C-alpha atoms as a PDB file:
ATOM      1  CA  MET A   1      11.283 -11.356  39.796  1.00  0.00           C
ATOM      2  CA  ALA A   2      14.194  -9.256  40.964  1.00  0.00           C
ATOM      3  CA  PHE A   3      16.915  -9.541  38.298  1.00  0.00           C
ATOM      4  CA  PHE A   4      17.590 -10.710  34.768  1.00  0.00           C
ATOM      5  CA  PRO A   5      20.859 -12.687  34.378  1.00  0.00           C
ATOM      6  CA  LEU A   6      23.465 -11.846  31.769  1.00  0.00           C
ATOM      7  CA  ALA A   7      25.980 -14.698  31.730  1.00  0.00           C
ATOM      8  CA  ASN A   8      29.178 -15.413  29.863  1.00  0.00           C
ATOM      9  CA  THR A   9      31.439 -18.410  29.207  1.00  0.00           C
ATOM     10  CA  PHE A  10      34.952 -18.851  27.909  1.00  0.00           C
ATOM     11  CA  LYS A  11      33.454 -20.607  24.871  1.00  0.00           C
ATOM     12  CA  ALA A  12      30.491 -18.441  23.852  1.00  0.00           C
ATOM     13  CA  ILE A  13      29.514 -14.816  24.483  1.00  0.00           C
ATOM     14  CA  GLY A  14      26.489 -13.997  26.610  1.00  0.00           C
ATOM     15  CA  HIS A  15      23.595 -11.659  25.839  1.00  0.00           C
ATOM     16  CA  CYS A  16      20.284 -10.687  27.433  1.00  0.00           C
ATOM     17  CA  THR A  17      17.296  -9.007  25.809  1.00  0.00           C
ATOM     18  CA  LEU A  18      14.953  -7.068  28.090  1.00  0.00           C
ATOM     19  CA  HIS A  19      11.326  -6.375  27.204  1.00  0.00           C
ATOM     20  CA  ASN A  20       9.448  -3.468  28.739  1.00  0.00           C
ATOM     21  CA  TYR A  21       5.958  -4.842  28.315  1.00  0.00           C
ATOM     22  CA  PRO A  22       3.963  -7.290  30.448  1.00  0.00           C
ATOM     23  CA  PRO A  23       3.704 -10.980  29.498  1.00  0.00           C
ATOM     24  CA  ASN A  24      -0.088 -11.052  29.880  1.00  0.00           C
ATOM     25  CA  ASN A  25      -3.071  -8.728  29.648  1.00  0.00           C
ATOM     26  CA  TRP A  26      -5.085  -9.800  32.691  1.00  0.00           C
ATOM     27  CA  GLU A  27      -2.863  -8.662  35.578  1.00  0.00           C
ATOM     28  CA  PRO A  28      -3.087  -4.864  36.002  1.00  0.00           C
ATOM     29  CA  ILE A  29       0.543  -3.723  35.879  1.00  0.00           C
ATOM     30  CA  GLU A  30       1.498  -0.083  35.388  1.00  0.00           C
ATOM     31  CA  GLU A  31       3.252   0.453  32.077  1.00  0.00           C
ATOM     32  CA  CYS A  32       5.992   3.072  32.282  1.00  0.00           C
ATOM     33  CA  PRO A  33       9.536   3.768  31.037  1.00  0.00           C
ATOM     34  CA  ARG A  34      12.132   1.971  33.170  1.00  0.00           C
ATOM     35  CA  PHE A  35      15.829   2.574  33.685  1.00  0.00           C
ATOM     36  CA  VAL A  36      18.060  -0.470  33.220  1.00  0.00           C
ATOM     37  CA  TRP A  37      20.889  -0.951  35.702  1.00  0.00           C
ATOM     38  CA  ALA A  38      23.626  -3.576  35.580  1.00  0.00           C
ATOM     39  CA  MET A  39      25.391  -5.043  38.619  1.00  0.00           C
ATOM     40  CA  TYR A  40      28.280  -7.489  38.966  1.00  0.00           C
ATOM     41  CA  SER A  41      30.553  -8.509  41.807  1.00  0.00           C
ATOM     42  CA  ASP A  42      34.261  -7.749  42.010  1.00  0.00           C
ATOM     43  CA  GLY A  43      34.527 -10.043  45.029  1.00  0.00           C
ATOM     44  CA  ASN A  44      34.173  -7.197  47.482  1.00  0.00           C
ATOM     45  CA  LYS A  45      31.368  -4.911  46.247  1.00  0.00           C
ATOM     46  CA  TRP A  46      28.582  -4.923  43.713  1.00  0.00           C
ATOM     47  CA  LYS A  47      29.654  -2.556  40.940  1.00  0.00           C
ATOM     48  CA  THR A  48      26.804  -0.818  39.112  1.00  0.00           C
ATOM     49  CA  LYS A  49      26.279   0.769  35.721  1.00  0.00           C
ATOM     50  CA  ASN A  50      23.341   2.739  34.285  1.00  0.00           C
ATOM     51  CA  LEU A  51      22.430   1.338  30.860  1.00  0.00           C
ATOM     52  CA  GLY A  52      19.824   3.975  30.035  1.00  0.00           C
ATOM     53  CA  LEU A  53      16.062   4.117  29.662  1.00  0.00           C
ATOM     54  CA  LEU A  54      13.845   1.412  28.163  1.00  0.00           C
ATOM     55  CA  GLU A  55      10.610   2.892  26.848  1.00  0.00           C
ATOM     56  CA  VAL A  56       7.185   1.268  27.121  1.00  0.00           C
ATOM     57  CA  GLY A  57       6.894  -1.548  24.545  1.00  0.00           C
ATOM     58  CA  GLU A  58      10.622  -1.451  23.762  1.00  0.00           C
ATOM     59  CA  SER A  59      13.032  -4.403  23.682  1.00  0.00           C
ATOM     60  CA  LYS A  60      16.809  -4.073  23.828  1.00  0.00           C
ATOM     61  CA  LYS A  61      19.666  -6.544  23.638  1.00  0.00           C
ATOM     62  CA  TYR A  62      22.620  -6.175  26.030  1.00  0.00           C
ATOM     63  CA  ASN A  63      25.931  -7.927  25.382  1.00  0.00           C
ATOM     64  CA  TYR A  64      28.170  -9.142  28.196  1.00  0.00           C
ATOM     65  CA  GLY A  65      31.331  -7.551  26.805  1.00  0.00           C
ATOM     66  CA  ASP A  66      29.708  -4.111  26.657  1.00  0.00           C
ATOM     67  CA  ILE A  67      29.181  -4.164  30.434  1.00  0.00           C
ATOM     68  CA  TYR A  68      31.883  -6.349  31.961  1.00  0.00           C
ATOM     69  CA  GLN A  69      35.258  -5.381  30.498  1.00  0.00           C
ATOM     70  CA  GLU A  70      37.601  -6.515  33.262  1.00  0.00           C
ATOM     71  CA  GLU A  71      39.963  -9.453  32.754  1.00  0.00           C
ATOM     72  CA  ASP A  72      39.343 -12.499  34.921  1.00  0.00           C
ATOM     73  CA  LYS A  73      40.882 -15.736  33.674  1.00  0.00           C
ATOM     74  CA  GLU A  74      39.387 -17.847  36.467  1.00  0.00           C
ATOM     75  CA  ARG A  75      35.706 -16.910  36.511  1.00  0.00           C
ATOM     76  CA  ASN A  76      32.875 -15.275  34.593  1.00  0.00           C
ATOM     77  CA  PRO A  77      30.999 -13.021  37.051  1.00  0.00           C
ATOM     78  CA  LEU A  78      27.257 -13.000  36.474  1.00  0.00           C
ATOM     79  CA  VAL A  79      25.893  -9.597  35.406  1.00  0.00           C
ATOM     80  CA  LEU A  80      22.486  -8.869  36.911  1.00  0.00           C
ATOM     81  CA  LEU A  81      20.146  -6.483  35.099  1.00  0.00           C
ATOM     82  CA  GLN A  82      17.336  -4.732  36.942  1.00  0.00           C
ATOM     83  CA  PHE A  83      14.570  -2.285  36.047  1.00  0.00           C
ATOM     84  CA  ARG A  84      14.737   0.747  38.338  1.00  0.00           C
ATOM     85  CA  ALA A  85      13.007   4.055  38.927  1.00  0.00           C
ATOM     86  CA  THR A  86      15.753   5.508  41.144  1.00  0.00           C
ATOM     87  CA  PRO A  87      19.546   5.527  40.661  1.00  0.00           C
ATOM     88  CA  LEU A  88      22.069   3.321  42.448  1.00  0.00           C
ATOM     89  CA  ALA A  89      25.367   4.153  44.080  1.00  0.00           C
ATOM     90  CA  GLU A  90      28.516   3.244  42.161  1.00  0.00           C
ATOM     91  CA  LYS A  91      29.245   0.382  44.593  1.00  0.00           C
ATOM     92  CA  LEU A  92      26.894  -1.612  46.832  1.00  0.00           C
ATOM     93  CA  ASP A  93      27.313  -3.926  49.817  1.00  0.00           C
ATOM     94  CA  ILE A  94      24.145  -5.849  49.023  1.00  0.00           C
ATOM     95  CA  LEU A  95      21.836  -6.299  46.051  1.00  0.00           C
ATOM     96  CA  PRO A  96      19.008  -3.726  45.874  1.00  0.00           C
ATOM     97  CA  LYS A  97      15.361  -4.692  46.209  1.00  0.00           C
ATOM     98  CA  GLN A  98      13.038  -4.361  43.244  1.00  0.00           C
ATOM     99  CA  GLU A  99      10.983  -1.195  42.829  1.00  0.00           C
ATOM    100  CA  PHE A 100       8.201  -2.416  40.533  1.00  0.00           C
ATOM    101  CA  ILE A 101       5.340  -4.903  40.745  1.00  0.00           C
ATOM    102  CA  TYR A 102       5.623  -7.639  38.127  1.00  0.00           C
ATOM    103  CA  ASN A 103       3.329 -10.175  36.511  1.00  0.00           C
ATOM    104  CA  LYS A 104       3.299 -13.658  38.004  1.00  0.00           C
ATOM    105  CA  VAL A 105       1.454 -15.809  35.443  1.00  0.00           C
ATOM    106  CA  PRO A 106       3.625 -16.152  33.510  1.00  0.00           C
ATOM    107  CA  GLU A 107       6.665 -14.526  35.140  1.00  0.00           C
ATOM    108  CA  TRP A 108       8.054 -11.334  33.608  1.00  0.00           C
ATOM    109  CA  ARG A 109      11.191 -12.678  31.968  1.00  0.00           C
ATOM    110  CA  ALA A 110      14.076 -11.750  29.706  1.00  0.00           C
ATOM    111  CA  THR A 111      15.605 -13.596  26.756  1.00  0.00           C
ATOM    112  CA  VAL A 112      18.909 -14.935  28.096  1.00  0.00           C
ATOM    113  CA  GLY A 113      21.404 -16.664  25.845  1.00  0.00           C
ATOM    114  CA  PHE A 114      24.757 -17.129  24.160  1.00  0.00           C
ATOM    115  CA  SER A 115      26.191 -16.623  20.701  1.00  0.00           C
ATOM    116  CA  LEU A 116      29.128 -18.101  18.805  1.00  0.00           C
ATOM    117  CA  ASN A 117      29.953 -17.225  15.204  1.00  0.00           C
ATOM    118  CA  GLN A 118      26.530 -17.155  13.503  1.00  0.00           C
ATOM    119  CA  ALA A 119      24.769 -19.371  16.049  1.00  0.00           C
ATOM    120  CA  GLU A 120      22.606 -18.292  18.992  1.00  0.00           C
ATOM    121  CA  THR A 121      20.660 -20.086  21.702  1.00  0.00           C
ATOM    122  CA  SER A 122      18.503 -18.722  24.530  1.00  0.00           C
ATOM    123  CA  TYR A 123      15.854 -19.350  27.159  1.00  0.00           C
ATOM    124  CA  GLN A 124      13.257 -17.188  28.893  1.00  0.00           C
ATOM    125  CA  GLY A 125      14.329 -16.505  32.458  1.00  0.00           C
ATOM    126  CA  GLU A 126      14.927 -14.397  35.529  1.00  0.00           C
ATOM    127  CA  ILE A 127      16.893 -14.922  38.742  1.00  0.00           C
ATOM    128  CA  ASN A 128      16.383 -14.144  42.402  1.00  0.00           C
ATOM    129  CA  PRO A 129      19.215 -14.175  44.948  1.00  0.00           C
ATOM    130  CA  PHE A 130      19.665 -17.594  46.527  1.00  0.00           C
ATOM    131  CA  PRO A 131      20.126 -18.074  50.282  1.00  0.00           C
ATOM    132  CA  ALA A 132      23.748 -18.614  51.276  1.00  0.00           C
ATOM    133  CA  LYS A 133      22.714 -21.826  53.029  1.00  0.00           C
ATOM    134  CA  ALA A 134      21.030 -23.839  50.298  1.00  0.00           C
ATOM    135  CA  SER A 135      21.680 -26.860  48.106  1.00  0.00           C
ATOM    136  CA  LEU A 136      21.382 -28.073  44.523  1.00  0.00           C
ATOM    137  CA  LEU A 137      20.165 -31.427  43.246  1.00  0.00           C
ATOM    138  CA  THR A 138      19.550 -31.919  39.558  1.00  0.00           C
ATOM    139  CA  PHE A 139      19.480 -34.768  37.052  1.00  0.00           C
ATOM    140  CA  HIS A 140      21.053 -34.122  33.679  1.00  0.00           C
ATOM    141  CA  PRO A 141      19.605 -36.083  30.723  1.00  0.00           C
ATOM    142  CA  PHE A 142      20.957 -33.615  28.132  1.00  0.00           C
ATOM    143  CA  ILE A 143      24.218 -35.261  27.050  1.00  0.00           C
ATOM    144  CA  GLN A 144      24.441 -35.062  23.242  1.00  0.00           C
ATOM    145  CA  TYR A 145      26.565 -37.152  20.908  1.00  0.00           C
ATOM    146  CA  ASN A 146      27.857 -36.978  17.338  1.00  0.00           C
ATOM    147  CA  LYS A 147      30.389 -34.120  17.278  1.00  0.00           C
ATOM    148  CA  ILE A 148      28.904 -32.119  20.168  1.00  0.00           C
ATOM    149  CA  GLU A 149      30.853 -30.634  23.075  1.00  0.00           C
ATOM    150  CA  ASN A 150      28.807 -30.947  26.283  1.00  0.00           C
ATOM    151  CA  TYR A 151      28.964 -28.634  29.282  1.00  0.00           C
ATOM    152  CA  PHE A 152      27.090 -28.151  32.540  1.00  0.00           C
ATOM    153  CA  LEU A 153      26.392 -24.488  33.364  1.00  0.00           C
ATOM    154  CA  PHE A 154      25.618 -23.338  36.892  1.00  0.00           C
ATOM    155  CA  PHE A 155      24.327 -19.792  37.554  1.00  0.00           C
ATOM    156  CA  ASN A 156      24.400 -18.516  41.113  1.00  0.00           C
ATOM    157  CA  ALA A 157      23.530 -15.098  42.563  1.00  0.00           C
ATOM    158  CA  GLU A 158      23.543 -14.187  46.264  1.00  0.00           C
ATOM    159  CA  ASN A 159      22.885 -10.923  48.059  1.00  0.00           C
ATOM    160  CA  SER A 160      26.462 -10.645  49.277  1.00  0.00           C
ATOM    161  CA  PRO A 161      29.109  -9.664  46.681  1.00  0.00           C
ATOM    162  CA  ARG A 162      31.774 -11.747  48.442  1.00  0.00           C
ATOM    163  CA  PHE A 163      33.029 -14.606  46.296  1.00  0.00           C
ATOM    164  CA  ARG A 164      32.993 -18.017  47.908  1.00  0.00           C
ATOM    165  CA  SER A 165      33.701 -21.441  46.439  1.00  0.00           C
ATOM    166  CA  GLU A 166      31.970 -24.767  46.996  1.00  0.00           C
ATOM    167  CA  TYR A 167      31.991 -28.132  45.223  1.00  0.00           C
ATOM    168  CA  ILE A 168      29.501 -29.720  42.857  1.00  0.00           C
ATOM    169  CA  GLU A 169      29.620 -33.501  43.165  1.00  0.00           C
ATOM    170  CA  ILE A 170      28.895 -35.600  40.077  1.00  0.00           C
ATOM    171  CA  TYR A 171      27.371 -39.102  40.309  1.00  0.00           C
ATOM    172  CA  GLU A 172      25.691 -41.667  38.076  1.00  0.00           C
ATOM    173  CA  ALA A 173      22.061 -42.038  39.184  1.00  0.00           C
ATOM    174  CA  ASN A 174      21.486 -45.769  38.695  1.00  0.00           C
ATOM    175  CA  THR A 175      24.651 -47.079  40.348  1.00  0.00           C
ATOM    176  CA  LYS A 176      25.136 -44.093  42.725  1.00  0.00           C
ATOM    177  CA  ARG A 177      28.753 -44.138  41.550  1.00  0.00           C
ATOM    178  CA  PHE A 178      30.808 -41.088  42.513  1.00  0.00           C
ATOM    179  CA  ILE A 179      32.510 -39.581  39.447  1.00  0.00           C
ATOM    180  CA  ASP A 180      34.094 -36.262  40.359  1.00  0.00           C
ATOM    181  CA  LYS A 181      33.750 -33.025  42.281  1.00  0.00           C
ATOM    182  CA  VAL A 182      34.317 -29.615  40.701  1.00  0.00           C
ATOM    183  CA  LYS A 183      34.771 -26.247  42.381  1.00  0.00           C
ATOM    184  CA  VAL A 184      32.174 -23.566  41.610  1.00  0.00           C
ATOM    185  CA  THR A 185      31.932 -19.903  42.655  1.00  0.00           C
ATOM    186  CA  ASN A 186      28.912 -17.887  43.691  1.00  0.00           C
ATOM    187  CA  ASN A 187      27.769 -14.809  41.713  1.00  0.00           C
ATOM    188  CA  CYS A 188      29.235 -16.369  38.572  1.00  0.00           C
ATOM    189  CA  CYS A 189      28.430 -18.474  35.538  1.00  0.00           C
ATOM    190  CA  ASN A 190      30.310 -21.731  36.143  1.00  0.00           C
ATOM    191  CA  MET A 191      31.056 -24.027  33.205  1.00  0.00           C
ATOM    192  CA  ILE A 192      31.933 -27.714  33.702  1.00  0.00           C
ATOM    193  CA  PRO A 193      33.121 -29.799  30.687  1.00  0.00           C
ATOM    194  CA  LEU A 194      31.328 -33.160  30.606  1.00  0.00           C
ATOM    195  CA  ASP A 195      32.794 -35.114  27.701  1.00  0.00           C
ATOM    196  CA  LYS A 196      35.830 -36.256  29.707  1.00  0.00           C
ATOM    197  CA  TYR A 197      33.513 -38.385  31.862  1.00  0.00           C
ATOM    198  CA  ASP A 198      32.335 -40.478  28.868  1.00  0.00           C
ATOM    199  CA  PHE A 199      28.726 -40.810  29.960  1.00  0.00           C
ATOM    200  CA  SER A 200      26.935 -43.470  27.926  1.00  0.00           C
ATOM    201  CA  PRO A 201      23.383 -42.974  26.572  1.00  0.00           C
ATOM    202  CA  ASP A 202      22.122 -45.316  29.311  1.00  0.00           C
ATOM    203  CA  GLU A 203      23.644 -43.318  32.176  1.00  0.00           C
ATOM    204  CA  LEU A 204      22.000 -40.416  33.973  1.00  0.00           C
ATOM    205  CA  PRO A 205      24.374 -37.866  35.536  1.00  0.00           C
ATOM    206  CA  VAL A 206      23.411 -36.362  38.901  1.00  0.00           C
ATOM    207  CA  PHE A 207      24.810 -33.014  40.070  1.00  0.00           C
ATOM    208  CA  LEU A 208      24.769 -32.271  43.770  1.00  0.00           C
ATOM    209  CA  CYS A 209      25.994 -29.213  45.658  1.00  0.00           C
ATOM    210  CA  ARG A 210      25.450 -29.476  49.403  1.00  0.00           C
ATOM    211  CA  SER A 211      26.155 -25.839  50.257  1.00  0.00           C
ATOM    212  CA  MET A 212      25.153 -23.659  47.289  1.00  0.00           C
ATOM    213  CA  ALA A 213      22.036 -23.357  45.140  1.00  0.00           C
ATOM    214  CA  GLY A 214      21.740 -22.127  41.574  1.00  0.00           C
ATOM    215  CA  ILE A 215      20.193 -22.558  38.147  1.00  0.00           C
ATOM    216  CA  PRO A 216      21.549 -25.550  36.151  1.00  0.00           C
ATOM    217  CA  PHE A 217      21.733 -25.900  32.375  1.00  0.00           C
ATOM    218  CA  GLY A 218      22.926 -28.321  29.749  1.00  0.00           C
ATOM    219  CA  PHE A 219      24.959 -26.435  27.139  1.00  0.00           C
ATOM    220  CA  GLY A 220      25.958 -27.963  23.811  1.00  0.00           C
ATOM    221  CA  ILE A 221      28.359 -26.618  21.180  1.00  0.00           C
ATOM    222  CA  SER A 222      28.872 -28.348  17.845  1.00  0.00           C
ATOM    223  CA  LYS A 223      32.548 -28.970  17.195  1.00  0.00           C
ATOM    224  CA  ASN A 224      32.396 -26.898  14.002  1.00  0.00           C
ATOM    225  CA  GLY A 225      30.950 -23.963  16.010  1.00  0.00           C
ATOM    226  CA  GLU A 226      27.853 -23.696  13.839  1.00  0.00           C
ATOM    227  CA  MET A 227      25.192 -24.801  16.362  1.00  0.00           C
ATOM    228  CA  LEU A 228      24.422 -24.161  20.038  1.00  0.00           C
ATOM    229  CA  SER A 229      21.850 -25.627  22.430  1.00  0.00           C
ATOM    230  CA  LEU A 230      20.807 -24.606  25.938  1.00  0.00           C
ATOM    231  CA  GLU A 231      18.534 -26.797  28.058  1.00  0.00           C
ATOM    232  CA  HIS A 232      17.266 -25.861  31.518  1.00  0.00           C
ATOM    233  CA  THR A 233      17.292 -28.794  33.962  1.00  0.00           C
ATOM    234  CA  HIS A 234      14.341 -28.982  36.328  1.00  0.00           C
ATOM    235  CA  PRO A 235      14.199 -28.900  40.143  1.00  0.00           C
ATOM    236  CA  PRO A 236      12.708 -31.937  41.928  1.00  0.00           C
ATOM    237  CA  ALA A 237       9.494 -29.997  42.666  1.00  0.00           C
ATOM    238  CA  SER A 238       8.712 -29.986  38.937  1.00  0.00           C
ATOM    239  CA  PHE A 239       8.010 -33.735  39.113  1.00  0.00           C
ATOM    240  CA  VAL A 240       5.141 -33.150  41.567  1.00  0.00           C
ATOM    241  CA  VAL A 241       1.724 -32.258  40.148  1.00  0.00           C
ATOM    242  CA  HIS A 242      -0.445 -31.950  43.270  1.00  0.00           C
ATOM    243  CA  GLY A 243       0.047 -31.308  46.974  1.00  0.00           C
ATOM    244  CA  GLN A 244       2.860 -29.514  48.757  1.00  0.00           C
ATOM    245  CA  ARG A 245       5.414 -29.454  45.976  1.00  0.00           C
ATOM    246  CA  PHE A 246       8.281 -27.882  47.886  1.00  0.00           C
ATOM    247  CA  LYS A 247       7.783 -30.183  50.871  1.00  0.00           C
ATOM    248  CA  VAL A 248       8.118 -33.087  48.459  1.00  0.00           C
ATOM    249  CA  GLN A 249      11.202 -31.453  46.935  1.00  0.00           C
ATOM    250  CA  GLY A 250      12.788 -31.249  50.376  1.00  0.00           C
ATOM    251  CA  GLU A 251      12.129 -34.940  50.973  1.00  0.00           C
ATOM    252  CA  ILE A 252      13.546 -35.917  47.555  1.00  0.00           C
ATOM    253  CA  LYS A 253      16.657 -33.875  48.281  1.00  0.00           C
ATOM    254  CA  ARG A 254      17.015 -35.382  51.747  1.00  0.00           C
ATOM    255  CA  GLN A 255      16.886 -38.920  50.356  1.00  0.00           C
ATOM    256  CA  TRP A 256      19.422 -38.270  47.603  1.00  0.00           C
ATOM    257  CA  LEU A 257      21.760 -36.383  49.939  1.00  0.00           C
ATOM    258  CA  THR A 258      21.764 -39.510  52.087  1.00  0.00           C
ATOM    259  CA  LEU A 259      22.220 -41.902  49.174  1.00  0.00           C
ATOM    260  CA  LEU A 260      25.050 -40.015  47.477  1.00  0.00           C
ATOM    261  CA  LYS A 261      28.288 -39.932  49.400  1.00  0.00           C
ATOM    262  CA  ASP A 262      31.659 -39.355  47.704  1.00  0.00           C
END
């Protein structure tokens, strides 16, 4: 674990709750107060902000608008929160390495989510910087019906603060039919509306990005704004129980990259 993501969309406001206590009691991890630092890219540098000290056993909720207050009508830069013992410079050329040892089973995670009116939704997560040369393949069975707006969210973080854009290709899994391609940006929370594609309950959308990796989600908003849902889609390795899971993931990706051509 290196960072906790704090995302935002143009539809719902993002928040992230950090917890300064370990998720299990069998891995010997030093308990100590930790400073919370926020980082986000301006396209040239990582800008940093000290959010204060989190005491042992304390939890605190951080809202996106309290940290990122710049106006950007094209993108929602991802804010990355990190526990630190030492301060950071005001601007960085690369993301800093972690300074603490963390639990692994389960991972030390934050509560990451969104709110709209009186509704909230969240998941337990963390994020590590993705390699610049990587890919995404995910299947998306989370389309909802009956007065629900459906979106595909794509979180990406890379060590470099430089913005770059790539395309996510959208297909239908059974027929391999190409549907669309949508531009996404690194170090951001990207939001793709799905309802315009009119997926039927019998169709399975596939999202493929050949030159950028990230964390994919299904995000639902009721049309009256009273309910939210957030579902994490799973990487191909999650379908493998035994053996070399990531070798199998690479082979699954290779096959689908060959099958799907726009």
